[in-house]
């Protein structure tokens, strides 16, 4: 079913209004700007907007939204465009509201271990800033060097260290939000406990820009661990590597990161990035990258010894230990580059499956079985400590007909299996545009009806990020 809401087209009067509240350099209608905003990192999809606006502060966002609300113009909020589910794609054209100029740290409160920021600050820049004060903002998606905090919150992003420290939602205390009609509101308070009414803060986090525009974020921080070490563990079997993951946690150990990489992903990365090096034994079919952190070498040594003892029963090859900054950085660069490397190899689709940790071997086996049945290759990697497996489906030699008509059947079968294991469709990439028609697998009709009702309450005319999350219906 097509989207049943019709929108007005942008006209010269709209452009004149935007030029009244924004300087000319923040109002973009040139071809290059529109084409850049037409895409994110999702497959090869592209939807051209009519205009790109770059507000600098909350009042400008409010004025834009109020105008678009009354004019019935669709608005797509955009961070850095690093998303993988099409959440920032302007599928109905209209206005792209780009947050790149709202990139300031507003206040760093060292007494209360909090920081207030605008949504356009780059994640890594925030992390490096607070680290100079001995503080830690743990969520670290692979795109942390370019992704915006606002976009991270829109998808409730996690990253490798979520296994010990949680995802972005776990650090949000309060938000300033502009609603689709231009109203400015706060969702909570800068406190660690809050039992005052419904949790609107957590409702906004992960809502993929469909309920409001985040314009200020109040985050909690924690003390920065003094040191970390990194273990690289090769396995002759990917399934054995996955089996070992659950065993580590059952033994009472909690590494700060536990990542899974298939050999093919590492090979793609080393071909794609000739500047990177990585120890890859011939017999290694998969790798676990395991980080431990703490405040003393003795603490780290005890963790590593405990993990090594658990892994011994899964017959890994020789474990490689990285303790220097350069060694650790080299390993992390490879892990963080895998997704981009795989995407450069072929047209692809990426699924962000997540299951209980113990079910990872079954999930991996199912992915490979479906590949044989439907004729596709896959490269799997991800945050194994969370049970979050990124499945990159590579088109390779698949025909256009098979890619468009048969592959969705395979994906639906995969998601149904994930659900049967107690898992769900997405751990951190969101639903967006590309996964919305599988939502009936994850959620009951009652749950979807309630979510649609929430969307309608916040956005009665359906102008904000339309066409996302909900399966082929009227927003």
Protein backbone atom coordinates (compact mmCIF):
# COMPACT_ATOMS: atom_id res chain seq x y z
CA UNK A 1 0.00 0.00 0.00
CA UNK A 2 1.34 3.44 -0.88
CA UNK A 3 1.57 6.27 1.59
CA UNK A 4 -1.95 7.70 1.78
CA UNK A 5 -0.89 11.17 2.87
CA UNK A 6 -0.26 13.69 0.10
CA UNK A 7 2.13 16.57 0.65
CA UNK A 8 2.42 20.01 -0.88
CA UNK A 9 5.33 20.85 -3.13
CA UNK A 10 7.92 23.40 -2.15
CA UNK A 11 7.40 26.78 -3.83
CA UNK A 12 9.22 30.12 -4.05
CA UNK A 13 7.26 31.52 -1.12
CA UNK A 14 8.58 28.72 1.09
CA UNK A 15 12.13 29.43 -0.01
CA UNK A 16 11.66 33.14 0.71
CA UNK A 17 10.47 32.28 4.21
CA UNK A 18 13.47 30.06 4.90
CA UNK A 19 15.78 32.83 3.69
CA UNK A 20 14.17 35.18 6.20
CA UNK A 21 15.17 33.02 9.16
CA UNK A 22 18.41 31.49 7.84
CA UNK A 23 21.43 33.01 6.07
CA UNK A 24 21.75 32.10 2.37
CA UNK A 25 24.57 29.61 3.04
CA UNK A 26 22.16 27.59 5.22
CA UNK A 27 19.53 27.27 2.49
CA UNK A 28 20.64 24.82 -0.19
CA UNK A 29 18.89 24.17 -3.49
CA UNK A 30 21.91 23.48 -5.69
CA UNK A 31 22.29 20.10 -7.36
CA UNK A 32 25.32 18.95 -5.36
CA UNK A 33 23.71 19.68 -2.00
CA UNK A 34 20.45 17.96 -2.96
CA UNK A 35 22.24 14.88 -4.31
CA UNK A 36 24.38 14.61 -1.18
CA UNK A 37 21.26 14.71 1.01
CA UNK A 38 19.50 12.15 -1.18
CA UNK A 39 21.64 9.27 0.14
CA UNK A 40 22.97 7.76 3.30
CA UNK A 41 25.02 4.56 3.75
CA UNK A 42 22.03 2.33 2.99
CA UNK A 43 22.66 0.21 -0.10
CA UNK A 44 22.49 2.28 -3.31
CA UNK A 45 19.21 4.08 -2.53
CA UNK A 46 18.67 7.73 -3.46
CA UNK A 47 15.70 10.09 -3.01
CA UNK A 48 16.13 13.72 -4.03
CA UNK A 49 14.81 16.41 -1.65
CA UNK A 50 13.56 19.80 -2.79
CA UNK A 51 15.72 21.78 -0.34
CA UNK A 52 18.30 21.31 2.40
CA UNK A 53 18.16 23.56 5.46
CA UNK A 54 20.93 23.88 8.05
CA UNK A 55 19.60 25.50 11.25
CA UNK A 56 22.06 26.73 13.87
CA UNK A 57 19.92 26.84 16.99
CA UNK A 58 16.64 25.62 18.46
CA UNK A 59 14.50 28.65 17.57
CA UNK A 60 15.39 28.27 13.90
CA UNK A 61 14.36 24.60 14.01
CA UNK A 62 11.09 25.59 15.65
CA UNK A 63 10.34 28.22 13.01
CA UNK A 64 11.09 25.79 10.19
CA UNK A 65 8.90 23.06 11.65
CA UNK A 66 6.02 25.44 12.34
CA UNK A 67 6.10 26.60 8.71
CA UNK A 68 6.32 23.08 7.31
CA UNK A 69 3.51 21.93 9.60
CA UNK A 70 1.13 24.61 8.30
CA UNK A 71 2.26 24.15 4.70
CA UNK A 72 2.11 20.32 4.87
CA UNK A 73 5.70 19.92 3.68
CA UNK A 74 7.47 16.63 4.52
CA UNK A 75 10.60 17.06 6.65
CA UNK A 76 13.41 14.53 6.96
CA UNK A 77 15.90 15.16 9.79
CA UNK A 78 19.51 14.29 8.91
CA UNK A 79 22.66 13.82 10.91
CA UNK A 80 25.91 12.78 9.27
CA UNK A 81 24.17 10.40 6.85
CA UNK A 82 25.99 7.30 8.14
CA UNK A 83 22.79 5.34 8.77
CA UNK A 84 22.28 1.83 7.42
CA UNK A 85 18.48 1.50 7.40
CA UNK A 86 17.51 4.48 5.24
CA UNK A 87 16.33 6.53 8.21
CA UNK A 88 17.69 9.78 6.75
CA UNK A 89 16.43 9.24 3.20
CA UNK A 90 13.88 11.87 2.08
CA UNK A 91 11.64 9.29 0.43
CA UNK A 92 8.88 11.86 -0.17
CA UNK A 93 11.17 14.71 -1.15
CA UNK A 94 10.45 17.99 0.57
CA UNK A 95 12.76 19.43 3.22
CA UNK A 96 15.91 17.86 4.59
CA UNK A 97 16.69 19.36 7.98
CA UNK A 98 20.45 18.85 8.33
CA UNK A 99 21.88 19.28 11.82
CA UNK A 100 25.54 19.73 10.88
CA UNK A 101 25.75 23.34 12.14
CA UNK A 102 24.27 22.50 15.54
CA UNK A 103 27.54 20.98 16.71
CA UNK A 104 28.45 22.69 19.98
CA UNK A 105 29.22 21.41 23.46
CA UNK A 106 26.94 23.62 25.54
CA UNK A 107 28.13 22.70 29.02
CA UNK A 108 30.47 20.17 30.60
CA UNK A 109 29.51 19.63 34.24
CA UNK A 110 32.49 17.89 35.87
CA UNK A 111 30.88 18.04 39.31
CA UNK A 112 27.88 15.94 38.25
CA UNK A 113 29.58 13.97 35.44
CA UNK A 114 27.24 15.36 32.78
CA UNK A 115 27.54 17.09 29.44
CA UNK A 116 25.01 19.03 27.36
CA UNK A 117 25.50 19.08 23.60
CA UNK A 118 23.78 19.96 20.37
CA UNK A 119 22.90 16.99 18.15
CA UNK A 120 25.42 17.71 15.39
CA UNK A 121 28.58 17.07 17.40
CA UNK A 122 30.62 14.13 16.12
CA UNK A 123 30.64 11.22 18.56
CA UNK A 124 34.40 10.77 18.64
CA UNK A 125 34.98 14.48 19.20
CA UNK A 126 32.73 14.38 22.25
CA UNK A 127 34.49 11.29 23.57
CA UNK A 128 37.93 12.83 23.17
CA UNK A 129 36.83 16.06 24.82
CA UNK A 130 35.46 14.41 27.96
CA UNK A 131 38.45 12.05 28.15
CA UNK A 132 40.70 15.07 28.73
CA UNK A 133 38.76 15.50 31.97
CA UNK A 134 39.09 11.83 32.95
CA UNK A 135 35.50 11.13 31.91
CA UNK A 136 34.00 8.52 29.61
CA UNK A 137 31.12 8.43 27.13
CA UNK A 138 31.20 4.73 26.16
CA UNK A 139 28.84 4.28 23.15
CA UNK A 140 31.14 3.95 20.13
CA UNK A 141 29.53 2.91 16.84
CA UNK A 142 31.93 2.02 14.03
CA UNK A 143 31.06 5.36 12.42
CA UNK A 144 31.99 7.29 15.57
CA UNK A 145 34.59 9.32 13.66
CA UNK A 146 31.87 10.86 11.49
CA UNK A 147 28.43 10.09 12.95
CA UNK A 148 26.57 12.68 15.01
CA UNK A 149 25.33 12.17 18.56
CA UNK A 150 21.82 13.10 17.41
CA UNK A 151 21.84 10.36 14.80
CA UNK A 152 23.20 7.88 17.35
CA UNK A 153 20.24 8.66 19.59
CA UNK A 154 17.76 8.43 16.72
CA UNK A 155 18.80 4.79 16.20
CA UNK A 156 19.81 4.07 19.83
CA UNK A 157 23.24 3.13 18.52
CA UNK A 158 25.61 1.01 20.53
CA UNK A 159 28.94 -0.20 19.24
CA UNK A 160 31.51 -2.63 20.62
CA UNK A 161 31.55 -1.38 24.21
CA UNK A 162 27.79 -1.71 24.64
CA UNK A 163 28.37 -5.23 25.98
CA UNK A 164 29.71 -3.81 29.25
CA UNK A 165 28.53 -0.22 29.30
CA UNK A 166 25.22 -0.15 27.43
CA UNK A 167 24.02 1.74 24.36
CA UNK A 168 23.37 5.43 23.78
CA UNK A 169 19.92 5.35 25.40
CA UNK A 170 21.52 4.40 28.70
CA UNK A 171 23.35 7.76 28.89
CA UNK A 172 20.53 10.15 28.05
CA UNK A 173 19.08 12.10 30.98
CA UNK A 174 17.04 14.73 29.19
CA UNK A 175 16.32 16.07 25.73
CA UNK A 176 15.18 19.34 24.26
CA UNK A 177 12.90 18.50 21.34
CA UNK A 178 11.05 20.47 18.68
CA UNK A 179 7.74 18.82 17.81
CA UNK A 180 6.40 18.70 14.24
CA UNK A 181 4.19 21.75 14.88
CA UNK A 182 7.14 23.83 16.09
CA UNK A 183 6.52 23.49 19.83
CA UNK A 184 9.68 23.27 21.95
CA UNK A 185 9.63 20.90 24.93
CA UNK A 186 11.92 19.10 27.36
CA UNK A 187 11.42 15.39 27.99
CA UNK A 188 12.96 14.87 31.42
CA UNK A 189 15.49 16.32 33.86
CA UNK A 190 19.22 16.24 34.54
CA UNK A 191 18.91 13.67 37.29
CA UNK A 192 19.89 10.02 37.59
CA UNK A 193 16.47 8.94 38.88
CA UNK A 194 13.18 10.16 37.49
CA UNK A 195 9.79 8.62 38.22
CA UNK A 196 7.78 11.64 37.11
CA UNK A 197 5.25 10.49 34.57
CA UNK A 198 5.88 8.62 31.32
CA UNK A 199 9.48 8.34 30.15
CA UNK A 200 9.32 10.65 27.15
CA UNK A 201 13.11 10.79 26.96
CA UNK A 202 13.41 7.10 26.17
CA UNK A 203 10.44 7.30 23.82
CA UNK A 204 12.33 9.84 21.72
CA UNK A 205 15.55 7.81 21.73
CA UNK A 206 15.32 5.21 18.98
CA UNK A 207 12.29 6.85 17.36
CA UNK A 208 14.33 7.50 14.21
CA UNK A 209 13.36 11.15 13.87
CA UNK A 210 9.67 10.35 13.44
CA UNK A 211 8.35 12.07 16.57
CA UNK A 212 10.42 15.23 16.99
CA UNK A 213 13.71 16.98 16.27
CA UNK A 214 16.29 16.66 19.05
CA UNK A 215 18.01 20.02 19.55
CA UNK A 216 19.81 19.52 22.89
CA UNK A 217 21.01 16.39 24.64
CA UNK A 218 21.90 16.07 28.32
CA UNK A 219 24.14 13.04 28.80
CA UNK A 220 25.55 11.36 31.86
CA UNK A 221 29.22 10.38 31.89
CA UNK A 222 31.25 7.91 33.93
CA UNK A 223 34.88 7.87 35.12
CA UNK A 224 37.32 6.84 32.40
CA UNK A 225 39.00 3.45 32.96
CA UNK A 226 42.74 3.95 33.23
CA UNK A 227 43.79 1.23 30.80
CA UNK A 228 42.63 -1.50 28.45
CA UNK A 229 44.14 -4.49 26.66
CA UNK A 230 43.02 -6.24 23.52
CA UNK A 231 43.04 -9.95 22.76
CA UNK A 232 42.84 -11.31 19.20
CA UNK A 233 41.66 -14.91 19.15
CA UNK A 234 41.65 -16.99 15.92
CA UNK A 235 39.31 -19.99 15.51
CA UNK A 236 39.30 -22.71 12.86
CA UNK A 237 35.49 -22.67 12.94
CA UNK A 238 33.15 -19.64 12.98
CA UNK A 239 30.62 -21.69 14.91
CA UNK A 240 33.19 -22.45 17.63
CA UNK A 241 33.98 -18.76 17.88
CA UNK A 242 30.30 -18.03 18.40
CA UNK A 243 29.94 -20.81 20.96
CA UNK A 244 32.82 -19.36 22.96
CA UNK A 245 31.05 -16.00 23.35
CA UNK A 246 28.31 -17.20 25.66
CA UNK A 247 30.78 -19.31 27.63
CA UNK A 248 32.83 -16.24 28.55
CA UNK A 249 29.84 -14.56 30.18
CA UNK A 250 28.59 -17.75 31.83
CA UNK A 251 31.96 -17.89 33.56
CA UNK A 252 31.20 -14.56 35.22
CA UNK A 253 33.50 -12.51 33.00
CA UNK A 254 32.48 -9.24 31.34
CA UNK A 255 34.91 -7.85 28.76
CA UNK A 256 34.44 -4.26 27.65
CA UNK A 257 34.12 -5.42 24.03
CA UNK A 258 33.71 -8.80 22.35
CA UNK A 259 33.59 -8.66 18.54
CA UNK A 260 33.16 -11.43 15.96
CA UNK A 261 34.69 -11.30 12.46
CA UNK A 262 34.51 -13.87 9.69
CA UNK A 263 37.71 -14.38 7.73
CA UNK A 264 36.17 -13.06 4.50
CA UNK A 265 35.41 -9.73 6.15
CA UNK A 266 39.01 -9.32 7.26
CA UNK A 267 40.30 -10.29 3.80
CA UNK A 268 37.98 -7.75 2.14
CA UNK A 269 39.20 -5.09 4.57
CA UNK A 270 42.89 -5.72 3.98
CA UNK A 271 42.32 -5.52 0.21
CA UNK A 272 40.23 -2.37 0.59
CA UNK A 273 42.62 -0.66 3.00
CA UNK A 274 46.19 -1.41 1.92
CA UNK A 275 47.43 0.83 4.74
CA UNK A 276 46.16 -1.62 7.36
CA UNK A 277 47.82 -4.78 8.63
CA UNK A 278 46.35 -7.63 10.63
CA UNK A 279 47.67 -11.00 11.84
CA UNK A 280 45.54 -13.54 9.97
CA UNK A 281 46.72 -17.16 10.27
CA UNK A 282 45.95 -19.44 7.32
CA UNK A 283 43.83 -21.74 9.48
CA UNK A 284 41.73 -18.93 10.98
CA UNK A 285 38.15 -18.95 9.68
CA UNK A 286 36.93 -16.45 12.25
CA UNK A 287 38.28 -14.12 14.91
CA UNK A 288 37.13 -12.81 18.26
CA UNK A 289 38.43 -9.39 19.25
CA UNK A 290 38.14 -9.13 23.03
CA UNK A 291 38.87 -5.98 25.02
CA UNK A 292 39.20 -5.79 28.79
CA UNK A 293 39.53 -2.57 30.75
CA UNK A 294 40.14 -1.48 34.31
CA UNK A 295 42.37 0.56 36.56
CA UNK A 296 45.40 -1.70 37.09
CA UNK A 297 47.53 -4.18 35.18
CA UNK A 298 46.72 -6.83 37.78
CA UNK A 299 43.01 -6.38 37.13
CA UNK A 300 43.50 -6.70 33.37
CA UNK A 301 45.78 -9.69 33.73
CA UNK A 302 43.21 -11.53 35.86
CA UNK A 303 40.50 -10.86 33.27
CA UNK A 304 42.68 -12.06 30.40
CA UNK A 305 43.68 -15.21 32.26
CA UNK A 306 40.04 -16.00 33.03
CA UNK A 307 38.97 -15.48 29.41
CA UNK A 308 41.88 -17.56 28.11
CA UNK A 309 40.93 -20.42 30.42
CA UNK A 310 37.36 -20.39 29.07
CA UNK A 311 38.50 -20.22 25.44
CA UNK A 312 40.85 -23.19 25.79
CA UNK A 313 37.94 -25.64 25.52
CA UNK A 314 36.97 -24.20 22.12
CA UNK A 315 40.35 -24.95 20.53
CA UNK A 316 41.42 -21.50 19.40
CA UNK A 317 44.75 -20.91 17.70
CA UNK A 318 47.46 -18.87 19.43
CA UNK A 319 46.03 -15.80 21.14
CA UNK A 320 47.62 -12.48 20.22
CA UNK A 321 47.72 -9.79 22.91
CA UNK A 322 47.84 -6.06 22.14
CA UNK A 323 48.78 -3.76 25.01
CA UNK A 324 50.40 -0.77 23.29
CA UNK A 325 48.29 2.05 21.88
CA UNK A 326 49.56 1.47 18.34
CA UNK A 327 48.82 -2.26 18.40
CA UNK A 328 45.32 -1.75 19.73
CA UNK A 329 44.58 1.02 17.25
CA UNK A 330 45.69 -1.17 14.33
CA UNK A 331 43.29 -3.97 15.33
CA UNK A 332 40.36 -1.64 15.91
CA UNK A 333 40.89 0.08 12.57
CA UNK A 334 40.42 -3.23 10.79
CA UNK A 335 37.31 -4.12 12.79
CA UNK A 336 35.73 -0.71 12.22
CA UNK A 337 36.50 -0.79 8.48
CA UNK A 338 34.91 -4.17 7.74
CA UNK A 339 31.46 -2.82 6.95
CA UNK A 340 32.74 -0.22 4.50
CA UNK A 341 35.11 -2.74 2.92
CA UNK A 342 32.36 -5.29 2.31
CA UNK A 343 30.13 -2.62 0.81
CA UNK A 344 32.89 -1.59 -1.60
CA UNK A 345 33.14 -5.18 -2.84
CA UNK A 346 29.61 -5.56 -4.20
CA UNK A 347 26.03 -4.37 -4.08
CA UNK A 348 24.83 -5.56 -0.71
CA UNK A 349 22.10 -5.62 1.91
CA UNK A 350 22.96 -5.48 5.59
CA UNK A 351 20.78 -7.03 8.27
CA UNK A 352 21.28 -6.01 11.90
CA UNK A 353 20.03 -9.19 13.59
CA UNK A 354 20.25 -9.67 17.34
CA UNK A 355 19.59 -12.81 19.38
CA UNK A 356 20.36 -14.02 22.90
CA UNK A 357 24.11 -14.70 23.01
CA UNK A 358 23.79 -18.46 23.37
CA UNK A 359 21.87 -18.59 20.06
CA UNK A 360 24.63 -17.00 17.98
CA UNK A 361 25.91 -20.32 16.53
CA UNK A 362 22.40 -21.26 15.43
CA UNK A 363 21.89 -17.85 13.82
CA UNK A 364 25.18 -18.04 11.94
CA UNK A 365 24.37 -21.54 10.70
CA UNK A 366 20.94 -20.39 9.49
CA UNK A 367 22.47 -17.49 7.56
CA UNK A 368 24.77 -19.87 5.69
CA UNK A 369 21.93 -22.34 5.02
CA UNK A 370 19.79 -19.57 3.53
CA UNK A 371 22.72 -18.51 1.38
CA UNK A 372 22.94 -21.98 -0.12
CA UNK A 373 19.18 -22.15 -0.67
CA UNK A 374 18.80 -18.71 -2.26
CA UNK A 375 22.22 -18.45 -3.93
CA UNK A 376 23.79 -15.55 -2.08
CA UNK A 377 27.09 -15.12 -0.26
CA UNK A 378 27.32 -13.45 3.12
CA UNK A 379 29.95 -11.91 5.36
CA UNK A 380 29.09 -11.82 9.05
CA UNK A 381 30.64 -9.74 11.81
CA UNK A 382 29.43 -7.74 14.74
CA UNK A 383 29.02 -7.26 18.44
CA UNK A 384 28.98 -10.89 19.49
CA UNK A 385 28.99 -10.01 23.18
CA UNK A 386 25.51 -8.54 22.67
CA UNK A 387 24.32 -11.28 20.32
CA UNK A 388 24.25 -8.60 17.61
CA UNK A 389 25.31 -10.13 14.27
CA UNK A 390 25.63 -7.90 11.22
CA UNK A 391 24.80 -10.01 8.17
CA UNK A 392 26.09 -8.51 4.93
CA UNK A 393 24.36 -10.19 2.01
CA UNK A 394 26.46 -9.81 -1.13
CA UNK A 395 24.69 -9.74 -4.46
CA UNK A 396 27.64 -11.18 -6.41
CA UNK A 397 26.24 -13.06 -9.41
CA UNK A 398 22.59 -12.99 -8.37
CA UNK A 399 20.28 -11.87 -11.16
CA UNK A 400 18.25 -8.68 -10.80
CA UNK A 401 15.08 -10.78 -10.57
CA UNK A 402 16.50 -12.94 -7.77
CA UNK A 403 17.85 -9.89 -5.94
CA UNK A 404 14.56 -8.03 -6.05
CA UNK A 405 12.04 -10.86 -5.72
CA UNK A 406 13.69 -13.91 -4.15
CA UNK A 407 16.05 -12.29 -1.65
CA UNK A 408 13.23 -10.62 0.33
CA UNK A 409 11.85 -14.13 0.92
CA UNK A 410 15.21 -15.18 2.34
CA UNK A 411 15.35 -12.12 4.57
CA UNK A 412 11.82 -12.76 5.82
CA UNK A 413 12.78 -16.35 6.56
CA UNK A 414 15.88 -15.16 8.40
CA UNK A 415 13.93 -12.68 10.51
CA UNK A 416 11.31 -15.29 11.37
CA UNK A 417 14.08 -17.58 12.56
CA UNK A 418 15.66 -14.76 14.58
CA UNK A 419 12.29 -14.15 16.22
CA UNK A 420 11.95 -17.86 17.04
CA UNK A 421 15.30 -17.69 18.84
CA UNK A 422 14.05 -14.86 21.02
CA UNK A 423 15.70 -12.14 18.95
CA UNK A 424 14.54 -9.22 16.86
CA UNK A 425 15.16 -7.36 13.60
CA UNK A 426 17.60 -4.67 14.66
CA UNK A 427 20.01 -4.19 17.50
CA UNK A 428 21.30 -0.70 16.63
CA UNK A 429 20.72 0.25 12.98
CA UNK A 430 17.00 0.86 13.28
CA UNK A 431 14.12 -0.03 10.98
CA UNK A 432 13.99 3.03 8.75
CA UNK A 433 12.95 2.54 5.14
CA UNK A 434 14.46 -0.85 4.27
CA UNK A 435 13.22 -3.02 7.15
CA UNK A 436 9.74 -1.60 7.71
CA UNK A 437 7.90 -4.30 5.78
CA UNK A 438 9.26 -6.96 8.13
CA UNK A 439 7.91 -5.31 11.27
CA UNK A 440 4.95 -7.70 11.38
CA UNK A 441 7.44 -10.45 12.25
CA UNK A 442 8.79 -8.66 15.30
CA UNK A 443 5.67 -6.98 16.65
CA UNK A 444 2.05 -7.95 17.14
CA UNK A 445 -0.78 -6.03 15.46
CA UNK A 446 -1.62 -4.56 18.86
CA UNK A 447 1.92 -3.26 19.36
CA UNK A 448 2.02 -1.76 15.87
CA UNK A 449 -1.36 -0.10 16.40
CA UNK A 450 -0.14 1.49 19.62
CA UNK A 451 3.02 2.73 17.91
CA UNK A 452 1.00 4.23 15.06
CA UNK A 453 -1.16 5.96 17.64
CA UNK A 454 1.92 7.47 19.30
CA UNK A 455 3.15 8.67 15.92
CA UNK A 456 -0.25 10.24 15.20
CA UNK A 457 -0.32 12.00 18.56
CA UNK A 458 3.10 13.60 18.07
CA UNK A 459 2.75 14.18 14.32
CA UNK A 460 -0.94 14.41 13.39
CA UNK A 461 -0.29 15.46 9.79
CA UNK A 462 2.50 12.95 9.21
CA UNK A 463 5.11 15.40 7.95
CA UNK A 464 8.08 14.24 10.03
CA UNK A 465 10.29 11.59 8.44
CA UNK A 466 7.39 9.94 6.65
CA UNK A 467 7.61 6.43 5.26
CA UNK A 468 9.80 5.06 8.05
CA UNK A 469 9.34 2.24 10.59
CA UNK A 470 5.74 1.30 9.80
CA UNK A 471 5.01 -1.31 7.13
CA UNK A 472 3.54 0.25 3.99
CA UNK A 473 0.78 2.28 5.52
CA UNK A 474 -0.28 5.84 5.93
CA UNK A 475 2.41 6.86 8.44
